[in-house]
Amino acid sequence: MKGRSLVVLLIILSVIISCRNSATKKGESSFASADSISFGEAQKLSAEAIADISRNIASPVEIANLLQEMNVPFSPEYLATSIDAGTQKTEFDKALTLGILGADLGYLNMYEKTGSSIDILSSIRKLAEGINVGQFFDFETIKRVSLNKSDLDSLLFLSIDSYTRIDEYLRDNDRGHLSALMIIGVWIEGQYLATQVMNHYPDTLLRDRIGEQKIILNDLLLLASPYCNDYPKFTDLCRNLREIRDKYRDIRITYTLGDPVSVEKDGGLVITQTETSKVDMTAGQLAEIIETSKNIRNKLLVTN
């Protein structure tokens, strides 16, 4: 895992850049407003976004890996330990909590906190069964792999496979709102983890990745927009996401495409387009993002 690319930082959503304007060699990020698209367009965008996001579900492992690269010590204070899976009554609460605990599981596994990870895995199993998707998790295999840090690649694959199948099942059965909730839960917890670490262990790379969440956050709102007015709790969640987005409004991100890189893989030549990003964000803007992200995450723990 030490050699795995760390370009993506913040959980499943970190590679979702579909709304970025990359047609030119150099330019500022551009994306549609989640408040300005039609309901039908939002439903279509949500399905496409979920499909992309689900293929990258294992990014909580990536974020924890980067923290280790930064020599950041493990802290149980970052975990959502106050959540009791047994008290989650509605499908909304179960799906959102499933995402939050999924992010914590990746953090625990990377730091080899196997005892605690098994406890969270038990809660995840209960929540998944509560929304009738437990059949898509091979809990016994995931439990075994989570006890063996040297087999993290297998854990990565199992996570991607499980969440991809859950996503397909939920969308095929008109339950896409639950998949959206899981993804939002993972992002919120990952955002909290990254911003809290940044608050105590400032780092330039981590700072830039936090700034780039401006784009990811807009994708989340596109994902959530078909459901924002369907249910009071979803309305509140969308309001919370918009509150965080407001803190990003004046942050500017520019991307510069680099030279293509050729790499031999599986007997063939794979060409990858490289790029660099520049985040213009003041210390005051970062402080507001850190505080708002913390307040909203902690509020969700209380209400869920």
C-alpha atoms as a PDB file:
ATOM      1  CA  MET A   1       0.000   0.000   0.000  1.00  0.00           C
ATOM      2  CA  LYS A   2       2.918   2.344   0.558  1.00  0.00           C
ATOM      3  CA  GLY A   3       3.454   2.502  -3.171  1.00  0.00           C
ATOM      4  CA  ARG A   4      -0.200   3.069  -4.056  1.00  0.00           C
ATOM      5  CA  SER A   5      -0.997   6.385  -5.707  1.00  0.00           C
ATOM      6  CA  LEU A   6      -2.132   9.012  -3.232  1.00  0.00           C
ATOM      7  CA  VAL A   7      -3.544  11.432  -5.756  1.00  0.00           C
ATOM      8  CA  VAL A   8      -6.984  10.712  -4.327  1.00  0.00           C
ATOM      9  CA  LEU A   9      -7.312  11.617  -0.693  1.00  0.00           C
ATOM     10  CA  LEU A  10     -10.793  12.061   0.594  1.00  0.00           C
ATOM     11  CA  ILE A  11     -12.633   8.762   0.407  1.00  0.00           C
ATOM     12  CA  ILE A  12     -14.757   7.439  -2.411  1.00  0.00           C
ATOM     13  CA  LEU A  13     -15.421  10.761  -4.053  1.00  0.00           C
ATOM     14  CA  SER A  14     -11.866  11.897  -4.572  1.00  0.00           C
ATOM     15  CA  VAL A  15     -11.584  10.808  -8.206  1.00  0.00           C
ATOM     16  CA  ILE A  16     -15.003  12.089  -9.278  1.00  0.00           C
ATOM     17  CA  ILE A  17     -14.088  15.066 -11.450  1.00  0.00           C
ATOM     18  CA  SER A  18     -16.743  14.705 -14.127  1.00  0.00           C
ATOM     19  CA  CYS A  19     -17.846  18.307 -13.769  1.00  0.00           C
ATOM     20  CA  ARG A  20     -14.330  19.717 -14.154  1.00  0.00           C
ATOM     21  CA  ASN A  21     -13.604  21.493 -17.419  1.00  0.00           C
ATOM     22  CA  SER A  22     -10.438  19.770 -18.641  1.00  0.00           C
ATOM     23  CA  ALA A  23     -10.809  20.499 -22.349  1.00  0.00           C
ATOM     24  CA  THR A  24      -7.967  22.993 -22.291  1.00  0.00           C
ATOM     25  CA  LYS A  25      -4.381  22.533 -21.226  1.00  0.00           C
ATOM     26  CA  LYS A  26      -4.772  25.021 -18.432  1.00  0.00           C
ATOM     27  CA  GLY A  27      -7.832  26.457 -16.804  1.00  0.00           C
ATOM     28  CA  GLU A  28      -9.894  27.055 -13.728  1.00  0.00           C
ATOM     29  CA  SER A  29     -12.315  24.422 -12.486  1.00  0.00           C
ATOM     30  CA  SER A  30     -15.848  24.834 -13.778  1.00  0.00           C
ATOM     31  CA  PHE A  31     -18.998  22.980 -12.771  1.00  0.00           C
ATOM     32  CA  ALA A  32     -22.757  23.308 -12.793  1.00  0.00           C
ATOM     33  CA  SER A  33     -24.660  24.484  -9.776  1.00  0.00           C
ATOM     34  CA  ALA A  34     -26.645  21.769  -8.035  1.00  0.00           C
ATOM     35  CA  ASP A  35     -29.327  24.376  -7.385  1.00  0.00           C
ATOM     36  CA  SER A  36     -29.815  25.189 -11.072  1.00  0.00           C
ATOM     37  CA  ILE A  37     -30.402  21.813 -12.745  1.00  0.00           C
ATOM     38  CA  SER A  38     -33.764  20.188 -13.351  1.00  0.00           C
ATOM     39  CA  PHE A  39     -35.052  17.225 -11.370  1.00  0.00           C
ATOM     40  CA  GLY A  40     -34.754  14.931 -14.381  1.00  0.00           C
ATOM     41  CA  GLU A  41     -31.177  16.019 -15.072  1.00  0.00           C
ATOM     42  CA  ALA A  42     -30.303  15.519 -11.412  1.00  0.00           C
ATOM     43  CA  GLN A  43     -31.625  11.961 -11.460  1.00  0.00           C
ATOM     44  CA  LYS A  44     -29.482  11.155 -14.487  1.00  0.00           C
ATOM     45  CA  LEU A  45     -26.399  12.779 -13.005  1.00  0.00           C
ATOM     46  CA  SER A  46     -26.967  10.961  -9.733  1.00  0.00           C
ATOM     47  CA  ALA A  47     -27.005   7.556 -11.395  1.00  0.00           C
ATOM     48  CA  GLU A  48     -23.815   8.304 -13.311  1.00  0.00           C
ATOM     49  CA  ALA A  49     -22.080   9.748 -10.257  1.00  0.00           C
ATOM     50  CA  ILE A  50     -23.032   6.810  -8.053  1.00  0.00           C
ATOM     51  CA  ALA A  51     -21.704   4.350 -10.633  1.00  0.00           C
ATOM     52  CA  ASP A  52     -18.340   6.133 -10.721  1.00  0.00           C
ATOM     53  CA  ILE A  53     -18.164   6.654  -6.992  1.00  0.00           C
ATOM     54  CA  SER A  54     -18.952   3.057  -6.094  1.00  0.00           C
ATOM     55  CA  ARG A  55     -15.934   1.858  -8.075  1.00  0.00           C
ATOM     56  CA  ASN A  56     -13.696   3.863  -5.751  1.00  0.00           C
ATOM     57  CA  ILE A  57     -15.282   2.937  -2.445  1.00  0.00           C
ATOM     58  CA  ALA A  58     -12.016   1.948  -0.789  1.00  0.00           C
ATOM     59  CA  SER A  59     -10.517   5.426  -0.581  1.00  0.00           C
ATOM     60  CA  PRO A  60     -10.850   5.524   3.245  1.00  0.00           C
ATOM     61  CA  VAL A  61      -7.846   3.190   3.161  1.00  0.00           C
ATOM     62  CA  GLU A  62      -6.048   5.708   0.952  1.00  0.00           C
ATOM     63  CA  ILE A  63      -6.653   8.604   3.294  1.00  0.00           C
ATOM     64  CA  ALA A  64      -5.328   6.628   6.253  1.00  0.00           C
ATOM     65  CA  ASN A  65      -2.311   5.616   4.184  1.00  0.00           C
ATOM     66  CA  LEU A  66      -1.510   9.249   3.455  1.00  0.00           C
ATOM     67  CA  LEU A  67      -1.794  10.108   7.145  1.00  0.00           C
ATOM     68  CA  GLN A  68       0.750   7.395   7.885  1.00  0.00           C
ATOM     69  CA  GLU A  69       3.023   8.827   5.195  1.00  0.00           C
ATOM     70  CA  MET A  70       2.739  12.105   7.110  1.00  0.00           C
ATOM     71  CA  ASN A  71       3.661  10.220  10.320  1.00  0.00           C
ATOM     72  CA  VAL A  72       0.361  11.244  11.885  1.00  0.00           C
ATOM     73  CA  PRO A  73      -0.300   9.069  14.943  1.00  0.00           C
ATOM     74  CA  PHE A  74      -3.557   7.150  15.287  1.00  0.00           C
ATOM     75  CA  SER A  75      -6.216   8.894  17.356  1.00  0.00           C
ATOM     76  CA  PRO A  76      -9.437   7.193  18.524  1.00  0.00           C
ATOM     77  CA  GLU A  77     -10.891  10.667  19.044  1.00  0.00           C
ATOM     78  CA  TYR A  78     -11.488  10.943  15.293  1.00  0.00           C
ATOM     79  CA  LEU A  79     -13.856   7.957  15.237  1.00  0.00           C
ATOM     80  CA  ALA A  80     -17.641   8.070  15.340  1.00  0.00           C
ATOM     81  CA  THR A  81     -17.705   5.830  18.397  1.00  0.00           C
ATOM     82  CA  SER A  82     -20.811   7.504  19.813  1.00  0.00           C
ATOM     83  CA  ILE A  83     -22.953   5.943  17.073  1.00  0.00           C
ATOM     84  CA  ASP A  84     -24.894   2.856  18.149  1.00  0.00           C
ATOM     85  CA  ALA A  85     -25.941   0.816  15.107  1.00  0.00           C
ATOM     86  CA  GLY A  86     -28.715  -0.754  17.143  1.00  0.00           C
ATOM     87  CA  THR A  87     -30.466   2.581  17.668  1.00  0.00           C
ATOM     88  CA  GLN A  88     -30.685   3.493  13.972  1.00  0.00           C
ATOM     89  CA  LYS A  89     -34.411   3.134  13.264  1.00  0.00           C
ATOM     90  CA  THR A  90     -34.992   4.488   9.767  1.00  0.00           C
ATOM     91  CA  GLU A  91     -33.439   3.487   6.451  1.00  0.00           C
ATOM     92  CA  PHE A  92     -32.122   7.047   6.159  1.00  0.00           C
ATOM     93  CA  ASP A  93     -30.204   6.751   9.435  1.00  0.00           C
ATOM     94  CA  LYS A  94     -28.911   3.272   8.654  1.00  0.00           C
ATOM     95  CA  ALA A  95     -27.620   4.164   5.195  1.00  0.00           C
ATOM     96  CA  LEU A  96     -25.941   7.395   6.301  1.00  0.00           C
ATOM     97  CA  THR A  97     -24.374   5.685   9.314  1.00  0.00           C
ATOM     98  CA  LEU A  98     -23.210   2.818   7.106  1.00  0.00           C
ATOM     99  CA  GLY A  99     -21.174   5.348   5.141  1.00  0.00           C
ATOM    100  CA  ILE A 100     -19.760   7.058   8.227  1.00  0.00           C
ATOM    101  CA  LEU A 101     -18.621   3.788   9.781  1.00  0.00           C
ATOM    102  CA  GLY A 102     -17.216   2.621   6.443  1.00  0.00           C
ATOM    103  CA  ALA A 103     -14.797   5.557   6.494  1.00  0.00           C
ATOM    104  CA  ASP A 104     -13.808   4.764  10.082  1.00  0.00           C
ATOM    105  CA  LEU A 105     -13.210   1.117   9.176  1.00  0.00           C
ATOM    106  CA  GLY A 106     -10.644   2.092   6.546  1.00  0.00           C
ATOM    107  CA  TYR A 107      -8.868   4.307   9.073  1.00  0.00           C
ATOM    108  CA  LEU A 108      -8.756   1.553  11.704  1.00  0.00           C
ATOM    109  CA  ASN A 109      -7.531  -1.126   9.322  1.00  0.00           C
ATOM    110  CA  MET A 110      -4.648   0.973   8.031  1.00  0.00           C
ATOM    111  CA  TYR A 111      -3.458   1.578  11.583  1.00  0.00           C
ATOM    112  CA  GLU A 112      -3.865  -2.136  12.438  1.00  0.00           C
ATOM    113  CA  LYS A 113      -6.436  -1.492  15.157  1.00  0.00           C
ATOM    114  CA  THR A 114      -7.944  -4.902  14.506  1.00  0.00           C
ATOM    115  CA  GLY A 115      -9.965  -5.190  17.694  1.00  0.00           C
ATOM    116  CA  SER A 116     -11.789  -1.937  17.094  1.00  0.00           C
ATOM    117  CA  SER A 117     -12.213  -2.656  13.378  1.00  0.00           C
ATOM    118  CA  ILE A 118     -14.006  -5.903  14.156  1.00  0.00           C
ATOM    119  CA  ASP A 119     -16.394  -3.998  16.433  1.00  0.00           C
ATOM    120  CA  ILE A 120     -17.165  -1.506  13.656  1.00  0.00           C
ATOM    121  CA  LEU A 121     -17.485  -4.314  11.119  1.00  0.00           C
ATOM    122  CA  SER A 122     -20.135  -5.864  13.333  1.00  0.00           C
ATOM    123  CA  SER A 123     -22.044  -2.570  13.324  1.00  0.00           C
ATOM    124  CA  ILE A 124     -21.678  -2.302   9.551  1.00  0.00           C
ATOM    125  CA  ARG A 125     -23.115  -5.789   9.171  1.00  0.00           C
ATOM    126  CA  LYS A 126     -26.112  -4.893  11.318  1.00  0.00           C
ATOM    127  CA  LEU A 127     -26.754  -1.699   9.359  1.00  0.00           C
ATOM    128  CA  ALA A 128     -26.380  -3.414   5.977  1.00  0.00           C
ATOM    129  CA  GLU A 129     -28.822  -6.109   6.990  1.00  0.00           C
ATOM    130  CA  GLY A 130     -31.150  -3.362   8.219  1.00  0.00           C
ATOM    131  CA  ILE A 131     -31.503  -2.004   4.684  1.00  0.00           C
ATOM    132  CA  ASN A 132     -31.542  -5.485   3.140  1.00  0.00           C
ATOM    133  CA  VAL A 133     -28.123  -5.383   1.474  1.00  0.00           C
ATOM    134  CA  GLY A 134     -26.231  -7.615   3.878  1.00  0.00           C
ATOM    135  CA  GLN A 135     -26.100 -10.351   1.228  1.00  0.00           C
ATOM    136  CA  PHE A 136     -23.607  -8.297  -0.744  1.00  0.00           C
ATOM    137  CA  PHE A 137     -21.003  -8.280   2.044  1.00  0.00           C
ATOM    138  CA  ASP A 138     -18.782 -11.316   2.573  1.00  0.00           C
ATOM    139  CA  PHE A 139     -18.366 -10.425   6.230  1.00  0.00           C
ATOM    140  CA  GLU A 140     -16.357 -13.460   7.231  1.00  0.00           C
ATOM    141  CA  THR A 141     -13.770 -12.886   4.491  1.00  0.00           C
ATOM    142  CA  ILE A 142     -13.599  -9.143   5.172  1.00  0.00           C
ATOM    143  CA  LYS A 143     -13.172  -9.886   8.873  1.00  0.00           C
ATOM    144  CA  ARG A 144     -10.333 -12.308   8.154  1.00  0.00           C
ATOM    145  CA  VAL A 145      -8.593  -9.915   5.758  1.00  0.00           C
ATOM    146  CA  SER A 146      -8.993  -6.970   8.126  1.00  0.00           C
ATOM    147  CA  LEU A 147      -6.973  -8.898  10.695  1.00  0.00           C
ATOM    148  CA  ASN A 148      -4.092  -9.187   8.221  1.00  0.00           C
ATOM    149  CA  LYS A 149      -2.628  -5.803   7.286  1.00  0.00           C
ATOM    150  CA  SER A 150      -0.304  -7.391   4.731  1.00  0.00           C
ATOM    151  CA  ASP A 151      -3.363  -8.283   2.645  1.00  0.00           C
ATOM    152  CA  LEU A 152      -4.769  -4.770   2.274  1.00  0.00           C
ATOM    153  CA  ASP A 153      -5.026  -5.116  -1.504  1.00  0.00           C
ATOM    154  CA  SER A 154      -7.561  -7.882  -0.960  1.00  0.00           C
ATOM    155  CA  LEU A 155      -9.448  -5.682   1.476  1.00  0.00           C
ATOM    156  CA  LEU A 156      -9.476  -2.953  -1.157  1.00  0.00           C
ATOM    157  CA  PHE A 157     -10.942  -5.321  -3.739  1.00  0.00           C
ATOM    158  CA  LEU A 158     -13.551  -6.730  -1.356  1.00  0.00           C
ATOM    159  CA  SER A 159     -14.720  -3.234  -0.433  1.00  0.00           C
ATOM    160  CA  ILE A 160     -15.027  -2.108  -4.055  1.00  0.00           C
ATOM    161  CA  ASP A 161     -16.831  -5.285  -5.065  1.00  0.00           C
ATOM    162  CA  SER A 162     -19.268  -5.136  -2.137  1.00  0.00           C
ATOM    163  CA  TYR A 163     -20.240  -1.511  -2.591  1.00  0.00           C
ATOM    164  CA  THR A 164     -20.480  -1.801  -6.370  1.00  0.00           C
ATOM    165  CA  ARG A 165     -22.990  -4.615  -6.039  1.00  0.00           C
ATOM    166  CA  ILE A 166     -24.901  -2.708  -3.352  1.00  0.00           C
ATOM    167  CA  ASP A 167     -25.070   0.336  -5.600  1.00  0.00           C
ATOM    168  CA  GLU A 168     -26.365  -1.658  -8.551  1.00  0.00           C
ATOM    169  CA  TYR A 169     -28.957  -3.404  -6.404  1.00  0.00           C
ATOM    170  CA  LEU A 170     -30.246  -0.216  -4.791  1.00  0.00           C
ATOM    171  CA  ARG A 171     -30.487   1.684  -8.069  1.00  0.00           C
ATOM    172  CA  ASP A 172     -32.104  -1.229  -9.894  1.00  0.00           C
ATOM    173  CA  ASN A 173     -34.735  -1.395  -7.163  1.00  0.00           C
ATOM    174  CA  ASP A 174     -35.517   2.335  -7.049  1.00  0.00           C
ATOM    175  CA  ARG A 175     -33.584   2.826  -3.809  1.00  0.00           C
ATOM    176  CA  GLY A 176     -30.851   5.092  -5.171  1.00  0.00           C
ATOM    177  CA  HIS A 177     -31.404   7.527  -2.315  1.00  0.00           C
ATOM    178  CA  LEU A 178     -29.892   4.982   0.099  1.00  0.00           C
ATOM    179  CA  SER A 179     -26.789   4.587  -2.026  1.00  0.00           C
ATOM    180  CA  ALA A 180     -26.474   8.374  -2.140  1.00  0.00           C
ATOM    181  CA  LEU A 181     -26.730   8.496   1.650  1.00  0.00           C
ATOM    182  CA  MET A 182     -23.925   5.963   2.096  1.00  0.00           C
ATOM    183  CA  ILE A 183     -21.666   7.940  -0.213  1.00  0.00           C
ATOM    184  CA  ILE A 184     -22.474  11.212   1.562  1.00  0.00           C
ATOM    185  CA  GLY A 185     -21.804   9.564   4.927  1.00  0.00           C
ATOM    186  CA  VAL A 186     -18.374   8.392   3.815  1.00  0.00           C
ATOM    187  CA  TRP A 187     -17.504  11.840   2.454  1.00  0.00           C
ATOM    188  CA  ILE A 188     -18.611  13.655   5.595  1.00  0.00           C
ATOM    189  CA  GLU A 189     -16.578  11.373   7.845  1.00  0.00           C
ATOM    190  CA  GLY A 190     -13.554  11.524   5.548  1.00  0.00           C
ATOM    191  CA  GLN A 191     -13.806  15.310   5.373  1.00  0.00           C
ATOM    192  CA  TYR A 192     -13.956  15.443   9.149  1.00  0.00           C
ATOM    193  CA  LEU A 193     -10.942  13.166   9.510  1.00  0.00           C
ATOM    194  CA  ALA A 194      -8.849  15.110   7.001  1.00  0.00           C
ATOM    195  CA  THR A 195      -9.738  18.539   8.405  1.00  0.00           C
ATOM    196  CA  GLN A 196      -9.134  17.482  11.998  1.00  0.00           C
ATOM    197  CA  VAL A 197      -5.718  16.093  11.092  1.00  0.00           C
ATOM    198  CA  MET A 198      -4.972  19.307   9.185  1.00  0.00           C
ATOM    199  CA  ASN A 199      -5.899  21.284  12.280  1.00  0.00           C
ATOM    200  CA  HIS A 200      -3.339  19.432  14.401  1.00  0.00           C
ATOM    201  CA  TYR A 201      -0.718  18.440  11.791  1.00  0.00           C
ATOM    202  CA  PRO A 202      -0.613  21.095   9.021  1.00  0.00           C
ATOM    203  CA  ASP A 203       0.567  19.738   5.674  1.00  0.00           C
ATOM    204  CA  THR A 204       0.631  21.345   2.226  1.00  0.00           C
ATOM    205  CA  LEU A 205      -0.571  18.273   0.307  1.00  0.00           C
ATOM    206  CA  LEU A 206      -3.390  17.642   2.754  1.00  0.00           C
ATOM    207  CA  ARG A 207      -4.372  21.305   2.589  1.00  0.00           C
ATOM    208  CA  ASP A 208      -4.644  21.161  -1.209  1.00  0.00           C
ATOM    209  CA  ARG A 209      -6.686  17.969  -1.140  1.00  0.00           C
ATOM    210  CA  ILE A 210      -9.098  19.589   1.301  1.00  0.00           C
ATOM    211  CA  GLY A 211      -9.379  22.606  -1.006  1.00  0.00           C
ATOM    212  CA  GLU A 212     -10.129  20.368  -3.987  1.00  0.00           C
ATOM    213  CA  GLN A 213     -13.184  19.046  -2.194  1.00  0.00           C
ATOM    214  CA  LYS A 214     -14.963  22.096  -3.589  1.00  0.00           C
ATOM    215  CA  ILE A 215     -15.454  20.087  -6.770  1.00  0.00           C
ATOM    216  CA  ILE A 216     -16.321  16.847  -5.003  1.00  0.00           C
ATOM    217  CA  LEU A 217     -18.847  18.616  -2.801  1.00  0.00           C
ATOM    218  CA  ASN A 218     -20.701  19.934  -5.816  1.00  0.00           C
ATOM    219  CA  ASP A 219     -20.898  16.375  -7.163  1.00  0.00           C
ATOM    220  CA  LEU A 220     -22.377  15.304  -3.835  1.00  0.00           C
ATOM    221  CA  LEU A 221     -25.053  17.950  -4.072  1.00  0.00           C
ATOM    222  CA  LEU A 222     -25.876  16.862  -7.622  1.00  0.00           C
ATOM    223  CA  LEU A 223     -26.136  13.347  -6.256  1.00  0.00           C
ATOM    224  CA  ALA A 224     -28.455  14.380  -3.432  1.00  0.00           C
ATOM    225  CA  SER A 225     -30.573  16.942  -5.284  1.00  0.00           C
ATOM    226  CA  PRO A 226     -33.337  14.561  -6.484  1.00  0.00           C
ATOM    227  CA  TYR A 227     -34.120  13.697  -2.863  1.00  0.00           C
ATOM    228  CA  CYS A 228     -33.576  16.972  -1.020  1.00  0.00           C
ATOM    229  CA  ASN A 229     -37.293  17.766  -0.796  1.00  0.00           C
ATOM    230  CA  ASP A 230     -38.602  14.235  -0.331  1.00  0.00           C
ATOM    231  CA  TYR A 231     -37.967  13.758   3.371  1.00  0.00           C
ATOM    232  CA  PRO A 232     -37.267  16.211   6.225  1.00  0.00           C
ATOM    233  CA  LYS A 233     -34.003  14.529   7.210  1.00  0.00           C
ATOM    234  CA  PHE A 234     -32.785  14.611   3.623  1.00  0.00           C
ATOM    235  CA  THR A 235     -33.734  18.283   3.415  1.00  0.00           C
ATOM    236  CA  ASP A 236     -31.627  18.963   6.514  1.00  0.00           C
ATOM    237  CA  LEU A 237     -28.717  16.955   5.108  1.00  0.00           C
ATOM    238  CA  CYS A 238     -28.778  18.913   1.854  1.00  0.00           C
ATOM    239  CA  ARG A 239     -28.842  22.129   3.866  1.00  0.00           C
ATOM    240  CA  ASN A 240     -25.759  20.941   5.765  1.00  0.00           C
ATOM    241  CA  LEU A 241     -23.897  20.157   2.554  1.00  0.00           C
ATOM    242  CA  ARG A 242     -24.749  23.574   1.158  1.00  0.00           C
ATOM    243  CA  GLU A 243     -23.461  25.172   4.349  1.00  0.00           C
ATOM    244  CA  ILE A 244     -20.083  23.510   3.818  1.00  0.00           C
ATOM    245  CA  ARG A 245     -20.173  24.447   0.118  1.00  0.00           C
ATOM    246  CA  ASP A 246     -20.672  28.095   1.041  1.00  0.00           C
ATOM    247  CA  LYS A 247     -17.318  28.027   2.839  1.00  0.00           C
ATOM    248  CA  TYR A 248     -15.683  26.910  -0.417  1.00  0.00           C
ATOM    249  CA  ARG A 249     -17.342  29.512  -2.618  1.00  0.00           C
ATOM    250  CA  ASP A 250     -14.367  31.878  -2.986  1.00  0.00           C
ATOM    251  CA  ILE A 251     -11.680  29.189  -3.222  1.00  0.00           C
ATOM    252  CA  ARG A 252     -10.121  28.981  -6.684  1.00  0.00           C
ATOM    253  CA  ILE A 253      -8.656  25.812  -8.203  1.00  0.00           C
ATOM    254  CA  THR A 254      -6.678  25.717 -11.447  1.00  0.00           C
ATOM    255  CA  TYR A 255      -5.462  22.627 -13.289  1.00  0.00           C
ATOM    256  CA  THR A 256      -2.560  22.250 -15.680  1.00  0.00           C
ATOM    257  CA  LEU A 257      -2.265  19.169 -17.882  1.00  0.00           C
ATOM    258  CA  GLY A 258       1.180  17.615 -17.983  1.00  0.00           C
ATOM    259  CA  ASP A 259       2.849  15.266 -20.434  1.00  0.00           C
ATOM    260  CA  PRO A 260       1.304  11.809 -20.874  1.00  0.00           C
ATOM    261  CA  VAL A 261       3.103   9.009 -19.026  1.00  0.00           C
ATOM    262  CA  SER A 262       3.494   5.541 -20.577  1.00  0.00           C
ATOM    263  CA  VAL A 263       3.568   2.542 -18.243  1.00  0.00           C
ATOM    264  CA  GLU A 264       3.765  -1.141 -19.128  1.00  0.00           C
ATOM    265  CA  LYS A 265       0.941  -3.103 -17.490  1.00  0.00           C
ATOM    266  CA  ASP A 266      -0.167  -6.700 -18.064  1.00  0.00           C
ATOM    267  CA  GLY A 267       1.963  -6.949 -21.176  1.00  0.00           C
ATOM    268  CA  GLY A 268       0.515  -3.802 -22.719  1.00  0.00           C
ATOM    269  CA  LEU A 269       1.284  -0.099 -22.774  1.00  0.00           C
ATOM    270  CA  VAL A 270      -0.982   2.128 -20.703  1.00  0.00           C
ATOM    271  CA  ILE A 271      -0.865   5.880 -21.280  1.00  0.00           C
ATOM    272  CA  THR A 272      -1.991   8.074 -18.398  1.00  0.00           C
ATOM    273  CA  GLN A 273      -2.617  11.804 -18.619  1.00  0.00           C
ATOM    274  CA  THR A 274      -0.938  13.686 -15.769  1.00  0.00           C
ATOM    275  CA  GLU A 275      -1.950  17.013 -14.321  1.00  0.00           C
ATOM    276  CA  THR A 276      -1.174  19.345 -11.466  1.00  0.00           C
ATOM    277  CA  SER A 277      -3.530  21.511  -9.476  1.00  0.00           C
ATOM    278  CA  LYS A 278      -3.155  24.820  -7.694  1.00  0.00           C
ATOM    279  CA  VAL A 279      -5.488  25.713  -4.829  1.00  0.00           C
ATOM    280  CA  ASP A 280      -5.874  29.360  -3.831  1.00  0.00           C
ATOM    281  CA  MET A 281      -7.218  29.230  -0.282  1.00  0.00           C
ATOM    282  CA  THR A 282      -6.491  31.576   2.607  1.00  0.00           C
ATOM    283  CA  ALA A 283      -5.812  30.464   6.163  1.00  0.00           C
ATOM    284  CA  GLY A 284      -9.122  32.031   7.163  1.00  0.00           C
ATOM    285  CA  GLN A 285     -11.054  30.086   4.523  1.00  0.00           C
ATOM    286  CA  LEU A 286      -9.400  26.848   5.613  1.00  0.00           C
ATOM    287  CA  ALA A 287     -10.230  27.543   9.254  1.00  0.00           C
ATOM    288  CA  GLU A 288     -13.902  28.074   8.375  1.00  0.00           C
ATOM    289  CA  ILE A 289     -14.007  24.826   6.393  1.00  0.00           C
ATOM    290  CA  ILE A 290     -12.452  22.921   9.291  1.00  0.00           C
ATOM    291  CA  GLU A 291     -14.892  24.358  11.825  1.00  0.00           C
ATOM    292  CA  THR A 292     -18.008  23.950   9.679  1.00  0.00           C
ATOM    293  CA  SER A 293     -17.094  20.383   8.694  1.00  0.00           C
ATOM    294  CA  LYS A 294     -16.587  19.479  12.344  1.00  0.00           C
ATOM    295  CA  ASN A 295     -19.844  21.062  13.502  1.00  0.00           C
ATOM    296  CA  ILE A 296     -21.966  19.372  10.845  1.00  0.00           C
ATOM    297  CA  ARG A 297     -20.361  15.956  11.293  1.00  0.00           C
ATOM    298  CA  ASN A 298     -20.808  16.100  15.049  1.00  0.00           C
ATOM    299  CA  LYS A 299     -24.410  17.258  14.636  1.00  0.00           C
ATOM    300  CA  LEU A 300     -25.079  14.214  12.451  1.00  0.00           C
ATOM    301  CA  LEU A 301     -23.680  11.916  15.133  1.00  0.00           C
ATOM    302  CA  VAL A 302     -26.106  13.362  17.656  1.00  0.00           C
ATOM    303  CA  THR A 303     -29.167  13.168  15.390  1.00  0.00           C
ATOM    304  CA  ASN A 304     -28.276   9.686  14.132  1.00  0.00           C
END
